[in-house]
N, C-alpha and C. Protein backbone atom coordinates (compact mmCIF):
# COMPACT_ATOMS: atom_id res chain seq x y z
N MET A 1 -37.73 5.83 19.01
CA MET A 1 -37.16 6.30 17.76
C MET A 1 -35.84 7.04 18.01
N SER A 2 -35.82 7.81 19.10
CA SER A 2 -34.62 8.58 19.41
C SER A 2 -33.45 7.66 19.73
N GLY A 3 -33.74 6.53 20.34
CA GLY A 3 -32.68 5.56 20.66
C GLY A 3 -32.01 5.04 19.40
N ARG A 4 -32.81 4.78 18.36
CA ARG A 4 -32.24 4.33 17.09
C ARG A 4 -31.37 5.40 16.44
N ALA A 5 -31.85 6.64 16.51
CA ALA A 5 -31.08 7.74 15.92
C ALA A 5 -29.76 7.92 16.66
N ASP A 6 -29.79 7.80 17.99
CA ASP A 6 -28.55 7.93 18.76
C ASP A 6 -27.59 6.80 18.45
N GLU A 7 -28.13 5.58 18.33
CA GLU A 7 -27.27 4.44 18.00
C GLU A 7 -26.66 4.61 16.60
N ARG A 8 -27.49 5.04 15.66
CA ARG A 8 -27.00 5.27 14.30
C ARG A 8 -25.92 6.36 14.30
N SER A 9 -26.15 7.41 15.05
CA SER A 9 -25.19 8.50 15.12
C SER A 9 -23.86 8.02 15.71
N ARG A 10 -23.91 7.22 16.77
CA ARG A 10 -22.68 6.68 17.37
C ARG A 10 -21.97 5.74 16.39
N ARG A 11 -22.75 4.90 15.71
CA ARG A 11 -22.18 3.95 14.76
C ARG A 11 -21.52 4.70 13.60
N TYR A 12 -22.19 5.72 13.08
CA TYR A 12 -21.61 6.48 11.96
C TYR A 12 -20.40 7.30 12.42
N ALA A 13 -20.42 7.77 13.67
CA ALA A 13 -19.27 8.50 14.18
C ALA A 13 -18.05 7.59 14.28
N MET A 14 -18.26 6.37 14.77
CA MET A 14 -17.15 5.41 14.87
C MET A 14 -16.66 5.04 13.47
N ARG A 15 -17.59 4.84 12.55
CA ARG A 15 -17.22 4.51 11.18
C ARG A 15 -16.41 5.65 10.56
N ALA A 16 -16.82 6.89 10.80
CA ALA A 16 -16.10 8.05 10.26
C ALA A 16 -14.68 8.12 10.83
N LEU A 17 -14.54 7.81 12.11
CA LEU A 17 -13.22 7.80 12.74
C LEU A 17 -12.32 6.73 12.10
N VAL A 18 -12.87 5.54 11.89
CA VAL A 18 -12.09 4.46 11.26
C VAL A 18 -11.71 4.85 9.84
N VAL A 19 -12.62 5.46 9.09
CA VAL A 19 -12.33 5.91 7.73
C VAL A 19 -11.16 6.90 7.76
N ALA A 20 -11.22 7.89 8.66
CA ALA A 20 -10.15 8.88 8.74
C ALA A 20 -8.80 8.22 9.08
N LEU A 21 -8.81 7.29 10.04
CA LEU A 21 -7.57 6.62 10.42
C LEU A 21 -7.01 5.77 9.28
N VAL A 22 -7.87 5.05 8.58
CA VAL A 22 -7.39 4.23 7.45
C VAL A 22 -6.79 5.13 6.37
N ILE A 23 -7.45 6.22 6.06
CA ILE A 23 -6.95 7.10 5.00
C ILE A 23 -5.62 7.73 5.39
N VAL A 24 -5.51 8.21 6.62
CA VAL A 24 -4.29 8.89 7.05
C VAL A 24 -3.14 7.90 7.30
N VAL A 25 -3.45 6.76 7.91
CA VAL A 25 -2.38 5.82 8.28
C VAL A 25 -2.00 4.90 7.12
N LEU A 26 -2.99 4.35 6.43
CA LEU A 26 -2.69 3.41 5.36
C LEU A 26 -2.61 4.05 3.97
N GLY A 27 -3.22 5.20 3.82
CA GLY A 27 -3.28 5.83 2.49
C GLY A 27 -1.94 6.05 1.82
N PRO A 28 -1.01 6.77 2.43
CA PRO A 28 0.27 7.01 1.75
C PRO A 28 1.04 5.73 1.40
N PRO A 29 1.19 4.76 2.31
CA PRO A 29 1.90 3.54 1.90
C PRO A 29 1.16 2.74 0.83
N LEU A 30 -0.18 2.72 0.88
CA LEU A 30 -0.92 1.99 -0.15
C LEU A 30 -0.74 2.61 -1.53
N GLY A 31 -0.59 3.93 -1.57
CA GLY A 31 -0.42 4.59 -2.86
C GLY A 31 0.90 4.26 -3.53
N ILE A 32 1.94 4.08 -2.76
CA ILE A 32 3.26 3.82 -3.33
C ILE A 32 3.56 2.33 -3.46
N LEU A 33 2.79 1.49 -2.79
CA LEU A 33 3.06 0.05 -2.75
C LEU A 33 3.17 -0.61 -4.13
N PRO A 34 2.24 -0.40 -5.06
CA PRO A 34 2.38 -1.07 -6.37
C PRO A 34 3.66 -0.68 -7.11
N VAL A 35 4.06 0.57 -7.00
CA VAL A 35 5.28 1.01 -7.67
C VAL A 35 6.50 0.35 -7.03
N ALA A 36 6.50 0.27 -5.71
CA ALA A 36 7.61 -0.38 -5.02
C ALA A 36 7.68 -1.86 -5.36
N LEU A 37 6.53 -2.52 -5.39
CA LEU A 37 6.50 -3.94 -5.75
C LEU A 37 7.00 -4.16 -7.18
N LEU A 38 6.63 -3.27 -8.08
CA LEU A 38 7.11 -3.37 -9.45
C LEU A 38 8.63 -3.21 -9.50
N GLY A 39 9.17 -2.28 -8.74
CA GLY A 39 10.62 -2.10 -8.67
C GLY A 39 11.33 -3.32 -8.14
N TRP A 40 10.78 -3.91 -7.10
CA TRP A 40 11.40 -5.11 -6.52
C TRP A 40 11.28 -6.30 -7.48
N LEU A 41 10.19 -6.37 -8.22
CA LEU A 41 10.04 -7.44 -9.21
C LEU A 41 11.07 -7.29 -10.32
N VAL A 42 11.30 -6.05 -10.76
CA VAL A 42 12.32 -5.80 -11.79
C VAL A 42 13.70 -6.17 -11.26
N ASP A 43 13.99 -5.84 -10.00
CA ASP A 43 15.27 -6.24 -9.41
C ASP A 43 15.41 -7.75 -9.38
N PHE A 44 14.34 -8.43 -9.01
CA PHE A 44 14.39 -9.88 -8.92
C PHE A 44 14.62 -10.52 -10.29
N LEU A 45 13.99 -9.95 -11.30
CA LEU A 45 14.13 -10.50 -12.65
C LEU A 45 15.43 -10.07 -13.34
N GLY A 46 16.17 -9.22 -12.70
CA GLY A 46 17.46 -8.82 -13.26
C GLY A 46 17.37 -7.67 -14.24
N GLY A 47 16.48 -6.75 -13.99
CA GLY A 47 16.36 -5.59 -14.88
C GLY A 47 15.64 -5.97 -16.15
N THR A 48 16.12 -5.45 -17.26
CA THR A 48 15.45 -5.68 -18.53
C THR A 48 15.95 -6.92 -19.24
N GLY A 49 17.01 -7.53 -18.75
CA GLY A 49 17.58 -8.68 -19.42
C GLY A 49 16.78 -9.95 -19.26
N GLY A 50 15.98 -10.06 -18.23
CA GLY A 50 15.15 -11.24 -18.02
C GLY A 50 15.85 -12.33 -17.24
N ALA A 51 17.15 -12.25 -17.04
CA ALA A 51 17.86 -13.26 -16.24
C ALA A 51 17.72 -12.91 -14.78
N THR A 52 17.81 -13.89 -13.93
CA THR A 52 17.69 -13.65 -12.50
C THR A 52 18.84 -12.80 -12.02
N GLY A 53 18.50 -11.62 -11.48
CA GLY A 53 19.53 -10.70 -11.02
C GLY A 53 19.84 -10.88 -9.55
N MET A 54 18.82 -11.05 -8.74
CA MET A 54 19.01 -11.18 -7.30
C MET A 54 18.40 -12.50 -6.84
N SER A 55 18.91 -13.00 -5.77
CA SER A 55 18.30 -14.21 -5.19
C SER A 55 17.01 -13.82 -4.49
N LEU A 56 16.19 -14.79 -4.22
CA LEU A 56 14.93 -14.54 -3.54
C LEU A 56 15.17 -13.93 -2.15
N SER A 57 16.20 -14.41 -1.45
CA SER A 57 16.49 -13.86 -0.13
C SER A 57 16.95 -12.40 -0.24
N GLY A 58 17.66 -12.08 -1.31
CA GLY A 58 18.08 -10.69 -1.52
C GLY A 58 16.89 -9.79 -1.79
N VAL A 59 15.92 -10.29 -2.55
CA VAL A 59 14.73 -9.50 -2.82
C VAL A 59 13.90 -9.32 -1.55
N ILE A 60 13.76 -10.40 -0.76
CA ILE A 60 12.99 -10.30 0.49
C ILE A 60 13.67 -9.32 1.45
N GLY A 61 15.00 -9.39 1.54
CA GLY A 61 15.73 -8.43 2.38
C GLY A 61 15.54 -7.01 1.89
N GLY A 62 15.60 -6.82 0.58
CA GLY A 62 15.37 -5.49 0.02
C GLY A 62 13.94 -5.03 0.25
N LEU A 63 13.01 -5.97 0.17
CA LEU A 63 11.61 -5.65 0.40
C LEU A 63 11.39 -5.18 1.83
N LEU A 64 11.96 -5.91 2.79
CA LEU A 64 11.79 -5.53 4.20
C LEU A 64 12.52 -4.23 4.52
N GLY A 65 13.74 -4.10 4.01
CA GLY A 65 14.49 -2.87 4.27
C GLY A 65 13.89 -1.67 3.56
N GLY A 66 13.41 -1.91 2.36
CA GLY A 66 12.81 -0.81 1.60
C GLY A 66 11.44 -0.41 2.09
N SER A 67 10.77 -1.31 2.80
CA SER A 67 9.43 -0.99 3.30
C SER A 67 9.46 0.17 4.28
N LEU A 68 10.46 0.20 5.14
CA LEU A 68 10.57 1.30 6.09
C LEU A 68 10.82 2.62 5.36
N ALA A 69 11.78 2.61 4.43
CA ALA A 69 12.06 3.83 3.67
C ALA A 69 10.85 4.24 2.85
N MET A 70 10.18 3.27 2.24
CA MET A 70 8.99 3.56 1.45
C MET A 70 7.92 4.21 2.31
N SER A 71 7.71 3.69 3.50
CA SER A 71 6.69 4.25 4.38
C SER A 71 7.01 5.68 4.79
N VAL A 72 8.26 5.92 5.14
CA VAL A 72 8.65 7.27 5.55
C VAL A 72 8.45 8.25 4.41
N TYR A 73 8.93 7.91 3.22
CA TYR A 73 8.79 8.82 2.09
C TYR A 73 7.35 8.96 1.65
N SER A 74 6.55 7.93 1.80
CA SER A 74 5.14 8.05 1.41
C SER A 74 4.43 9.06 2.30
N TYR A 75 4.79 9.11 3.58
CA TYR A 75 4.18 10.11 4.47
C TYR A 75 4.71 11.50 4.19
N VAL A 76 5.99 11.61 3.85
CA VAL A 76 6.56 12.92 3.54
C VAL A 76 5.85 13.53 2.35
N PHE A 77 5.64 12.73 1.31
CA PHE A 77 5.07 13.28 0.08
C PHE A 77 3.55 13.16 0.00
N GLY A 78 2.94 12.27 0.77
CA GLY A 78 1.50 12.08 0.67
C GLY A 78 0.73 12.30 1.94
N GLY A 79 1.41 12.62 3.02
CA GLY A 79 0.74 12.77 4.31
C GLY A 79 -0.28 13.89 4.36
N LEU A 80 0.11 15.07 3.86
CA LEU A 80 -0.82 16.21 3.88
C LEU A 80 -2.01 15.97 2.97
N GLN A 81 -1.77 15.33 1.83
CA GLN A 81 -2.88 15.02 0.93
C GLN A 81 -3.83 14.01 1.58
N ALA A 82 -3.28 13.03 2.30
CA ALA A 82 -4.11 12.05 2.99
C ALA A 82 -4.96 12.72 4.07
N ILE A 83 -4.37 13.63 4.80
CA ILE A 83 -5.11 14.35 5.84
C ILE A 83 -6.24 15.18 5.22
N ALA A 84 -5.94 15.85 4.10
CA ALA A 84 -6.96 16.65 3.42
C ALA A 84 -8.11 15.77 2.92
N CYS A 85 -7.78 14.61 2.36
CA CYS A 85 -8.82 13.68 1.90
C CYS A 85 -9.66 13.18 3.07
N ALA A 86 -9.00 12.87 4.19
CA ALA A 86 -9.72 12.39 5.37
C ALA A 86 -10.64 13.48 5.92
N LEU A 87 -10.22 14.74 5.82
CA LEU A 87 -11.06 15.83 6.31
C LEU A 87 -12.34 15.97 5.50
N TRP A 88 -12.36 15.50 4.28
CA TRP A 88 -13.59 15.52 3.50
C TRP A 88 -14.37 14.20 3.64
N LEU A 89 -13.70 13.09 3.53
CA LEU A 89 -14.39 11.80 3.46
C LEU A 89 -14.90 11.31 4.82
N ALA A 90 -14.25 11.65 5.91
CA ALA A 90 -14.74 11.22 7.22
C ALA A 90 -16.08 11.89 7.57
N PRO A 91 -16.21 13.21 7.41
CA PRO A 91 -17.53 13.82 7.66
C PRO A 91 -18.59 13.31 6.68
N ARG A 92 -18.18 13.04 5.46
CA ARG A 92 -19.11 12.48 4.47
C ARG A 92 -19.61 11.10 4.95
N THR A 93 -18.72 10.32 5.51
CA THR A 93 -19.09 9.01 6.04
C THR A 93 -20.02 9.18 7.25
N TYR A 94 -19.75 10.17 8.07
CA TYR A 94 -20.60 10.41 9.23
C TYR A 94 -22.03 10.79 8.80
N ARG A 95 -22.13 11.63 7.79
CA ARG A 95 -23.45 12.08 7.34
C ARG A 95 -24.21 11.02 6.55
N HIS A 96 -23.50 10.26 5.71
CA HIS A 96 -24.18 9.37 4.77
C HIS A 96 -23.86 7.88 4.95
N GLY A 97 -22.97 7.54 5.85
CA GLY A 97 -22.67 6.15 6.09
C GLY A 97 -21.57 5.59 5.22
N GLY A 98 -21.05 6.36 4.31
CA GLY A 98 -19.98 5.88 3.43
C GLY A 98 -19.76 6.82 2.26
N PHE A 99 -18.96 6.36 1.32
CA PHE A 99 -18.68 7.13 0.10
C PHE A 99 -18.32 6.14 -0.99
N SER A 100 -18.44 6.59 -2.23
CA SER A 100 -18.22 5.71 -3.37
C SER A 100 -16.77 5.77 -3.84
N PHE A 101 -16.43 4.85 -4.74
CA PHE A 101 -15.10 4.89 -5.37
C PHE A 101 -14.94 6.20 -6.15
N GLY A 102 -16.01 6.62 -6.80
CA GLY A 102 -15.95 7.87 -7.57
C GLY A 102 -15.68 9.08 -6.69
N GLU A 103 -16.31 9.11 -5.53
CA GLU A 103 -16.08 10.22 -4.61
C GLU A 103 -14.66 10.17 -4.04
N ALA A 104 -14.16 8.98 -3.77
CA ALA A 104 -12.77 8.85 -3.31
C ALA A 104 -11.81 9.38 -4.37
N LEU A 105 -12.05 9.01 -5.62
CA LEU A 105 -11.20 9.46 -6.71
C LEU A 105 -11.32 10.96 -6.92
N ALA A 106 -12.54 11.48 -6.90
CA ALA A 106 -12.74 12.92 -7.07
C ALA A 106 -12.07 13.71 -5.95
N THR A 107 -12.16 13.22 -4.73
CA THR A 107 -11.52 13.89 -3.60
C THR A 107 -10.01 13.93 -3.78
N ALA A 108 -9.43 12.82 -4.21
CA ALA A 108 -7.98 12.78 -4.44
C ALA A 108 -7.59 13.74 -5.55
N LEU A 109 -8.38 13.83 -6.60
CA LEU A 109 -8.08 14.75 -7.71
C LEU A 109 -8.16 16.20 -7.27
N VAL A 110 -9.18 16.54 -6.50
CA VAL A 110 -9.33 17.92 -6.02
C VAL A 110 -8.18 18.30 -5.09
N VAL A 111 -7.84 17.39 -4.19
CA VAL A 111 -6.72 17.66 -3.27
C VAL A 111 -5.41 17.77 -4.04
N SER A 112 -5.23 16.95 -5.05
CA SER A 112 -4.01 17.02 -5.88
C SER A 112 -3.96 18.33 -6.67
N ALA A 113 -5.11 18.78 -7.15
CA ALA A 113 -5.15 20.06 -7.86
C ALA A 113 -4.79 21.21 -6.91
N ALA A 114 -5.28 21.15 -5.68
CA ALA A 114 -4.93 22.17 -4.68
C ALA A 114 -3.44 22.12 -4.38
N ALA A 115 -2.88 20.91 -4.28
CA ALA A 115 -1.45 20.79 -4.06
C ALA A 115 -0.67 21.35 -5.24
N ALA A 116 -1.17 21.17 -6.46
CA ALA A 116 -0.51 21.72 -7.65
C ALA A 116 -0.46 23.24 -7.57
N VAL A 117 -1.54 23.85 -7.12
CA VAL A 117 -1.56 25.30 -6.98
C VAL A 117 -0.50 25.74 -5.97
N VAL A 118 -0.40 25.01 -4.87
CA VAL A 118 0.60 25.35 -3.85
C VAL A 118 2.01 25.20 -4.42
N PHE A 119 2.27 24.08 -5.12
CA PHE A 119 3.60 23.86 -5.70
C PHE A 119 3.95 24.94 -6.73
N VAL A 120 3.01 25.30 -7.56
CA VAL A 120 3.27 26.29 -8.61
C VAL A 120 3.52 27.66 -7.99
N THR A 121 2.74 28.02 -6.98
CA THR A 121 2.95 29.33 -6.34
C THR A 121 4.23 29.36 -5.52
N ALA A 122 4.58 28.24 -4.92
CA ALA A 122 5.80 28.19 -4.12
C ALA A 122 7.06 28.24 -4.99
N ASP A 123 6.99 27.67 -6.18
CA ASP A 123 8.16 27.62 -7.05
C ASP A 123 7.77 28.13 -8.43
N ASN A 124 7.54 29.44 -8.52
CA ASN A 124 7.07 29.99 -9.78
C ASN A 124 8.17 30.07 -10.84
N ARG A 125 9.40 29.79 -10.48
CA ARG A 125 10.48 29.80 -11.48
C ARG A 125 10.46 28.55 -12.33
N ASP A 126 10.03 27.44 -11.76
CA ASP A 126 10.04 26.17 -12.49
C ASP A 126 8.61 25.64 -12.60
N LEU A 127 7.84 26.24 -13.47
CA LEU A 127 6.45 25.87 -13.63
C LEU A 127 6.29 24.44 -14.12
N ALA A 128 7.09 24.04 -15.09
CA ALA A 128 6.99 22.68 -15.63
C ALA A 128 7.34 21.64 -14.57
N GLY A 129 8.36 21.90 -13.78
CA GLY A 129 8.75 20.96 -12.72
C GLY A 129 7.68 20.84 -11.65
N ALA A 130 7.08 21.97 -11.27
CA ALA A 130 6.03 21.95 -10.25
C ALA A 130 4.80 21.20 -10.75
N LEU A 131 4.45 21.41 -12.01
CA LEU A 131 3.30 20.70 -12.58
C LEU A 131 3.58 19.21 -12.73
N ALA A 132 4.81 18.86 -13.12
CA ALA A 132 5.17 17.44 -13.24
C ALA A 132 5.12 16.75 -11.88
N LEU A 133 5.64 17.42 -10.85
CA LEU A 133 5.59 16.86 -9.49
C LEU A 133 4.14 16.69 -9.04
N SER A 134 3.31 17.67 -9.34
CA SER A 134 1.90 17.59 -8.96
C SER A 134 1.20 16.44 -9.66
N ALA A 135 1.48 16.25 -10.93
CA ALA A 135 0.86 15.13 -11.67
C ALA A 135 1.36 13.80 -11.13
N PHE A 136 2.63 13.71 -10.82
CA PHE A 136 3.22 12.49 -10.28
C PHE A 136 2.59 12.14 -8.93
N LEU A 137 2.51 13.12 -8.03
CA LEU A 137 1.91 12.87 -6.72
C LEU A 137 0.41 12.65 -6.84
N GLY A 138 -0.22 13.31 -7.80
CA GLY A 138 -1.66 13.13 -8.02
C GLY A 138 -2.00 11.71 -8.44
N ALA A 139 -1.14 11.11 -9.26
CA ALA A 139 -1.37 9.73 -9.68
C ALA A 139 -1.31 8.79 -8.47
N PHE A 140 -0.35 9.00 -7.59
CA PHE A 140 -0.26 8.19 -6.38
C PHE A 140 -1.44 8.44 -5.46
N ALA A 141 -1.90 9.70 -5.38
CA ALA A 141 -3.06 10.02 -4.54
C ALA A 141 -4.31 9.30 -5.04
N CYS A 142 -4.50 9.28 -6.35
CA CYS A 142 -5.67 8.58 -6.93
C CYS A 142 -5.59 7.09 -6.66
N LEU A 143 -4.43 6.52 -6.85
CA LEU A 143 -4.24 5.09 -6.58
C LEU A 143 -4.50 4.79 -5.11
N SER A 144 -3.98 5.62 -4.25
CA SER A 144 -4.17 5.45 -2.81
C SER A 144 -5.64 5.56 -2.43
N ALA A 145 -6.35 6.53 -3.00
CA ALA A 145 -7.77 6.72 -2.68
C ALA A 145 -8.58 5.49 -3.07
N LEU A 146 -8.31 4.97 -4.25
CA LEU A 146 -9.05 3.78 -4.70
C LEU A 146 -8.72 2.56 -3.85
N MET A 147 -7.46 2.41 -3.49
CA MET A 147 -7.07 1.27 -2.67
C MET A 147 -7.64 1.38 -1.25
N CYS A 148 -7.66 2.59 -0.68
CA CYS A 148 -8.25 2.77 0.65
C CYS A 148 -9.74 2.46 0.63
N ARG A 149 -10.41 2.93 -0.41
CA ARG A 149 -11.85 2.66 -0.54
C ARG A 149 -12.10 1.15 -0.67
N PHE A 150 -11.25 0.47 -1.42
CA PHE A 150 -11.37 -0.97 -1.58
C PHE A 150 -11.18 -1.67 -0.23
N VAL A 151 -10.15 -1.28 0.52
CA VAL A 151 -9.88 -1.88 1.83
C VAL A 151 -11.05 -1.62 2.79
N LEU A 152 -11.58 -0.40 2.78
CA LEU A 152 -12.71 -0.08 3.66
C LEU A 152 -13.94 -0.89 3.29
N GLY A 153 -14.17 -1.12 2.02
CA GLY A 153 -15.28 -1.96 1.60
C GLY A 153 -15.04 -3.42 1.95
N LEU A 154 -13.81 -3.87 1.76
CA LEU A 154 -13.45 -5.25 2.07
C LEU A 154 -13.63 -5.56 3.55
N LEU A 155 -13.29 -4.60 4.39
CA LEU A 155 -13.44 -4.78 5.84
C LEU A 155 -14.87 -4.56 6.32
N GLY A 156 -15.75 -4.11 5.43
CA GLY A 156 -17.14 -3.88 5.80
C GLY A 156 -17.37 -2.57 6.54
N ILE A 157 -16.42 -1.66 6.45
CA ILE A 157 -16.56 -0.37 7.12
C ILE A 157 -17.55 0.52 6.35
N VAL A 158 -17.45 0.54 5.03
CA VAL A 158 -18.37 1.30 4.19
C VAL A 158 -19.05 0.33 3.22
N PRO A 159 -20.19 0.71 2.67
CA PRO A 159 -20.89 -0.19 1.75
C PRO A 159 -20.00 -0.59 0.59
N VAL A 160 -20.18 -1.82 0.13
CA VAL A 160 -19.35 -2.35 -0.95
C VAL A 160 -19.67 -1.67 -2.26
N THR A 161 -20.94 -1.44 -2.54
CA THR A 161 -21.32 -0.78 -3.78
C THR A 161 -21.67 0.67 -3.51
N ALA A 162 -21.46 1.50 -4.52
CA ALA A 162 -21.68 2.93 -4.37
C ALA A 162 -23.15 3.25 -4.09
N GLY A 163 -24.06 2.55 -4.72
CA GLY A 163 -25.47 2.86 -4.56
C GLY A 163 -26.17 2.00 -3.54
N SER A 164 -25.43 1.42 -2.62
CA SER A 164 -26.02 0.51 -1.63
C SER A 164 -26.97 1.29 -0.73
N PRO A 165 -28.24 0.87 -0.68
CA PRO A 165 -29.20 1.59 0.15
C PRO A 165 -28.99 1.37 1.64
N ARG A 166 -28.37 0.27 2.00
CA ARG A 166 -28.16 -0.03 3.41
C ARG A 166 -26.68 0.00 3.72
N PRO A 167 -26.26 0.74 4.73
CA PRO A 167 -24.88 0.69 5.15
C PRO A 167 -24.57 -0.66 5.79
N PRO A 168 -23.32 -1.05 5.84
CA PRO A 168 -22.97 -2.33 6.45
C PRO A 168 -23.27 -2.32 7.93
N LYS A 169 -23.45 -3.50 8.49
CA LYS A 169 -23.70 -3.62 9.93
C LYS A 169 -22.41 -3.38 10.68
N SER A 170 -22.51 -2.61 11.75
CA SER A 170 -21.33 -2.42 12.59
C SER A 170 -21.71 -2.36 14.04
């Protein structure tokens, strides 16, 4: 019996490590990706006019060039939030074998609320600006949390359904 418990403990520890790495490494870029893709689509369609504004090669070049900038800025603005989410969700995965979409979303909201408190206290002269920035970053954090949870489920790292009685095989 002890052998099974040790194997389960090692398996859950590895799973928790993978969850933390996915959240920290992929989380910030995944959160900003839909917005960036929408921007590139608008550029390709020529803004609001509907006529073709850029050639396909121009859009692909912009996509590749913008991907690096997007990644850097996503870590600047979302890196600490991703680390904070990983600090909660990785131990949760170790203890329970996974986490639900709801828990991913709730974790992102709590971390975003904590970031809002930091922004408001750091810049008490511009309360509206600090709250707007917090809401803006919070939306990306929620999107990132849901997308990371989806990717982890797709890869079989965590159970696909929230109430799954059996964790995935690893």
